[in-house]
Amino acid sequence: MTPFGAYIHVPFCARRCDYCAFATWTDRAHLMTRYTRAVVSEICPVGAITDTDFRFKTRAWFLEPGDSICPHCGRGCNITIEHVPGFPRVPGSRRVYRIKSRPNVEVNGHWICDVGRYNYAFLDTGRQERFLVKDRGWGVEHTWDSVIRFLAAQLTRLVSDDTRGRVGVMASAHLTNEELFLIKRMFLQDMGIRKIFLIDPREGAPDGFLLTAERVPNTRGATEIGLKCGLPDLIGLAGGLDLLILFGTDLFERFGPDETKALLETVGIKVLFTSHQGPGNDAVDIVLPATPAAEKAGSFTNIKGRVQSFVPVRTACGEALAEWSVLVRLAVELKLDPGFYEGLISVEDIRAALARDVFFFGPRS
C-alpha cells in the first residue's frame, strides 16, 4: 500500500504567513491544547487516541453513533452523538459519552466549538423522567391520558366562557419548528388565545468562529413562524391568569427562580413541560417530562435561515414524550379542526403542514 500523509492545520499561530489560505488566529494560543486534543481524537482511525473526558470511561466499540443538530446556540452545528444504546451498561452510569463534529460545509465546516463538544452531560444529568402532580384536589393522575384530559377540560372551560384572556402560554426557542408551529396554530389560530410569549433567553459571549451569542437553536425558526422573542410584563400578566402553560424553564432563568415563583403564586393552574429538574418544579402545579432534541424528531432553523431536520438518536428517558406528540393529542382531545389534527401522525406530517402554511418553510425554487 502506498503510504500517505495528512496535513493538520493548527490555526493558533504567532503570525499569519502570506501564503497560508487557512483560518488563522494570532491571539488565541491558550486554546491550542484543547484544539489539538480534540482534533487528534476525532481523526484517529481506530479510536485509540481519546480525549481526557472520555478516556477510561467506556470502550469505543460499546457506543452507537447517531446524527443530530447541536442545540446549544443558533449556529446549528452538525454533530454525531455517541451513546450506549438501550439502558446503561452499569446502573447509574451515563448513556452519552462523546460528541463529535459532523461535516457540513454550509454550517460548521468540519468542526464544533467546545460548548457543543463537551457540554453533553445534560443529556443524562438531572433529567425530569416522571410526572410531578401536586395534590390540589383536581383528580389528575400521573399519566399522559389523565393530564391531557385535564388540560383539555380547563382550556374548554376558559375558552367557552370567553375568558380566553386568562390563559397564557410561554414558548421557547429550544422547541422545534414543528412544535412552535403547533403552538401558534392551536392556541392563537384555533382558540384565539393572545397571551403567547417567546421568552428572550440571555445571550452569551460568542467565540468569533462558531458559537453565537444566541444560546438557543431556533430563534430564527420562531421568528419566521410568527413568534418573536420578548419579555412579558410578568407582574401584570400573572395576576390575570387562570391557566399558564410553560414550555421549558426560560422564564425562571430570565427573571430568577425566587422572583418568578413569587409572581406566579396568583396564577390558578401552572403546567410546565421540561426535560430537566429545576427551580420551576417548586413553582408550578404539574410538571410534565419532555424530551431534548437528541430524543425526538424535528427541525431547527439556524441564524442564517438554514432549516435542518433531525431524528431521535436514542430513546426517551422514563415517561418523557416529545412536545409535538402531546400537543397533537391535546388538540384531538379538544376536538380542534379534527380533519387537520387527526391527520398529524408524525413529525413529517406536521412539517408538511408547516410548509403549506408558512411561506419561508415551503418549497424553494
Foldseek 3Di string as FASTA:
>chain_A
DDDDDDDDDQQADCDDDPPDPDHHDPPPPVCRVVVVLQVVCVPPPPNPRHHPQQPPQDDQVQWDWFWFFQFFFQLGFIKIWIFRADDDPDPPDFTTRWMAGDADCVGAHRHDDPCRTPVPCVQGPQFDQFKDAAPPPPPQDRDLVSVLLSVLVVLCVCLVVVNLQQEAEEEELQAFLLLLLLCCCPSCVQRNRDRYAYAQAQFDDAPVRRHDRGGGHAQVSNVLSPHHHDDDPLQVNLQRHQEYEYEEDRVCVVPPLVVNLVSNPNHNAYEYEYGGDDSVVVRGRMYAHAHGRQAAWHWHQHPVRDIDTGGHNHHRHHNYYHSSVSSLVSCVSNVGPCVQSVPCPGNVSSLVVCLVPGVSSHDDD
